[in-house]
Amino acid sequence: MIKQTGIWFWPLVMAVLSAAGLLSALLADGVWDWVSVLTLGAVSATALYFSLGRSRPRRA
């Protein structure tokens, strides 16, 4: 059986990164713009990797 913390860990990490990126983009300038680019870019890259990059081999 899988623990509940194992199931929710990575979705919570993605949610925190998204929230931090959006808040830093909305509330501050300068270095915080780069923080928002990095955090939202990491979330976007992860989503693209898991949605497009992982194709399962076909079974015979």
N, C-alpha and C. Protein backbone atom coordinates (compact mmCIF):
# COMPACT_ATOMS: atom_id res chain seq x y z
N MET A 1 0.85 -1.19 0.00
CA MET A 1 0.00 0.00 0.00
C MET A 1 0.89 1.24 0.00
N ILE A 2 0.49 2.24 -0.77
CA ILE A 2 1.26 3.47 -0.87
C ILE A 2 0.79 4.45 0.20
N LYS A 3 1.77 5.10 0.84
CA LYS A 3 1.42 6.10 1.84
C LYS A 3 0.82 7.33 1.18
N GLN A 4 -0.05 8.02 1.89
CA GLN A 4 -0.68 9.22 1.35
C GLN A 4 0.34 10.32 1.08
N THR A 5 1.39 10.41 1.88
CA THR A 5 2.39 11.45 1.65
C THR A 5 3.14 11.22 0.36
N GLY A 6 3.33 9.96 -0.02
CA GLY A 6 4.01 9.66 -1.28
C GLY A 6 3.18 10.04 -2.49
N ILE A 7 1.88 9.93 -2.36
CA ILE A 7 0.99 10.27 -3.46
C ILE A 7 0.93 11.77 -3.68
N TRP A 8 0.90 12.54 -2.63
CA TRP A 8 0.67 13.97 -2.72
C TRP A 8 1.92 14.83 -2.72
N PHE A 9 3.09 14.25 -2.58
CA PHE A 9 4.30 15.05 -2.46
C PHE A 9 4.58 15.88 -3.70
N TRP A 10 4.69 15.24 -4.87
CA TRP A 10 5.06 15.97 -6.09
C TRP A 10 3.97 16.91 -6.58
N PRO A 11 2.70 16.55 -6.50
CA PRO A 11 1.68 17.55 -6.86
C PRO A 11 1.73 18.79 -5.97
N LEU A 12 2.02 18.61 -4.69
CA LEU A 12 2.15 19.76 -3.80
C LEU A 12 3.37 20.60 -4.13
N VAL A 13 4.46 19.97 -4.52
CA VAL A 13 5.65 20.71 -4.94
C VAL A 13 5.34 21.54 -6.17
N MET A 14 4.65 20.96 -7.13
CA MET A 14 4.27 21.70 -8.35
C MET A 14 3.33 22.86 -8.02
N ALA A 15 2.41 22.65 -7.09
CA ALA A 15 1.48 23.72 -6.71
C ALA A 15 2.21 24.87 -6.01
N VAL A 16 3.15 24.54 -5.14
CA VAL A 16 3.91 25.59 -4.45
C VAL A 16 4.79 26.36 -5.43
N LEU A 17 5.44 25.66 -6.36
CA LEU A 17 6.24 26.34 -7.37
C LEU A 17 5.38 27.24 -8.25
N SER A 18 4.21 26.78 -8.64
CA SER A 18 3.32 27.60 -9.45
C SER A 18 2.86 28.84 -8.70
N ALA A 19 2.46 28.67 -7.47
CA ALA A 19 2.01 29.81 -6.66
C ALA A 19 3.13 30.81 -6.44
N ALA A 20 4.33 30.31 -6.14
CA ALA A 20 5.47 31.21 -5.93
C ALA A 20 5.81 31.97 -7.21
N GLY A 21 5.76 31.29 -8.34
CA GLY A 21 6.05 31.95 -9.61
C GLY A 21 5.02 33.00 -9.96
N LEU A 22 3.75 32.69 -9.76
CA LEU A 22 2.71 33.66 -10.08
C LEU A 22 2.74 34.86 -9.15
N LEU A 23 2.95 34.61 -7.86
CA LEU A 23 3.02 35.73 -6.91
C LEU A 23 4.24 36.61 -7.14
N SER A 24 5.37 36.01 -7.43
CA SER A 24 6.56 36.82 -7.66
C SER A 24 6.44 37.62 -8.96
N ALA A 25 5.72 37.10 -9.95
CA ALA A 25 5.52 37.85 -11.19
C ALA A 25 4.55 39.01 -10.98
N LEU A 26 3.58 38.83 -10.13
CA LEU A 26 2.58 39.87 -9.92
C LEU A 26 3.01 40.96 -8.95
N LEU A 27 3.78 40.60 -7.94
CA LEU A 27 4.02 41.53 -6.84
C LEU A 27 5.36 42.24 -6.86
N ALA A 28 6.33 41.80 -7.65
CA ALA A 28 7.66 42.40 -7.57
C ALA A 28 8.29 42.49 -8.95
N ASP A 29 9.38 43.25 -9.02
CA ASP A 29 10.12 43.43 -10.27
C ASP A 29 11.58 43.08 -10.05
N GLY A 30 12.34 43.12 -11.13
CA GLY A 30 13.78 42.89 -11.04
C GLY A 30 14.11 41.42 -10.93
N VAL A 31 14.78 41.04 -9.85
CA VAL A 31 15.18 39.66 -9.63
C VAL A 31 13.96 38.74 -9.54
N TRP A 32 12.88 39.24 -9.02
CA TRP A 32 11.68 38.42 -8.84
C TRP A 32 11.06 38.01 -10.17
N ASP A 33 11.30 38.81 -11.21
CA ASP A 33 10.85 38.38 -12.54
C ASP A 33 11.57 37.11 -12.96
N TRP A 34 12.86 37.04 -12.66
CA TRP A 34 13.62 35.83 -13.00
C TRP A 34 13.20 34.65 -12.15
N VAL A 35 12.84 34.91 -10.90
CA VAL A 35 12.32 33.83 -10.04
C VAL A 35 11.04 33.26 -10.65
N SER A 36 10.18 34.15 -11.13
CA SER A 36 8.93 33.68 -11.72
C SER A 36 9.19 32.89 -13.01
N VAL A 37 10.14 33.36 -13.82
CA VAL A 37 10.46 32.64 -15.06
C VAL A 37 10.99 31.24 -14.74
N LEU A 38 11.87 31.15 -13.77
CA LEU A 38 12.46 29.85 -13.42
C LEU A 38 11.43 28.89 -12.82
N THR A 39 10.62 29.38 -11.90
CA THR A 39 9.66 28.48 -11.25
C THR A 39 8.57 28.04 -12.22
N LEU A 40 8.01 28.98 -12.98
CA LEU A 40 6.97 28.60 -13.92
C LEU A 40 7.53 27.80 -15.08
N GLY A 41 8.77 28.08 -15.46
CA GLY A 41 9.42 27.28 -16.49
C GLY A 41 9.66 25.85 -16.05
N ALA A 42 10.02 25.68 -14.78
CA ALA A 42 10.24 24.33 -14.26
C ALA A 42 8.94 23.53 -14.24
N VAL A 43 7.85 24.18 -13.85
CA VAL A 43 6.56 23.51 -13.84
C VAL A 43 6.13 23.16 -15.26
N SER A 44 6.31 24.09 -16.19
CA SER A 44 5.93 23.84 -17.58
C SER A 44 6.78 22.74 -18.21
N ALA A 45 8.08 22.77 -17.95
CA ALA A 45 8.97 21.75 -18.50
C ALA A 45 8.63 20.36 -17.95
N THR A 46 8.30 20.30 -16.67
CA THR A 46 7.92 19.02 -16.07
C THR A 46 6.62 18.50 -16.68
N ALA A 47 5.66 19.39 -16.86
CA ALA A 47 4.39 18.97 -17.47
C ALA A 47 4.60 18.48 -18.90
N LEU A 48 5.41 19.19 -19.67
CA LEU A 48 5.68 18.75 -21.04
C LEU A 48 6.42 17.43 -21.08
N TYR A 49 7.38 17.26 -20.19
CA TYR A 49 8.14 16.01 -20.15
C TYR A 49 7.23 14.82 -19.90
N PHE A 50 6.36 14.94 -18.93
CA PHE A 50 5.52 13.81 -18.57
C PHE A 50 4.34 13.63 -19.51
N SER A 51 3.93 14.67 -20.23
CA SER A 51 2.81 14.50 -21.15
C SER A 51 3.25 14.10 -22.55
N LEU A 52 4.41 14.58 -23.01
CA LEU A 52 4.85 14.29 -24.36
C LEU A 52 6.05 13.34 -24.44
N GLY A 53 6.94 13.44 -23.50
CA GLY A 53 8.20 12.74 -23.60
C GLY A 53 8.22 11.30 -23.17
N ARG A 54 7.22 10.86 -22.47
CA ARG A 54 7.22 9.50 -21.94
C ARG A 54 6.20 8.65 -22.68
N SER A 55 6.59 8.13 -23.79
CA SER A 55 5.69 7.22 -24.49
C SER A 55 5.98 5.78 -24.04
N ARG A 56 4.93 5.05 -23.86
CA ARG A 56 5.08 3.66 -23.41
C ARG A 56 5.27 2.75 -24.61
N PRO A 57 6.15 1.78 -24.51
CA PRO A 57 6.33 0.86 -25.63
C PRO A 57 5.08 -0.01 -25.81
N ARG A 58 4.82 -0.34 -27.05
CA ARG A 58 3.66 -1.19 -27.35
C ARG A 58 3.96 -2.64 -27.02
N ARG A 59 2.96 -3.29 -26.50
CA ARG A 59 3.11 -4.72 -26.18
C ARG A 59 2.65 -5.53 -27.38
N ALA A 60 3.34 -6.62 -27.59
CA ALA A 60 2.99 -7.48 -28.74
C ALA A 60 1.79 -8.34 -28.48
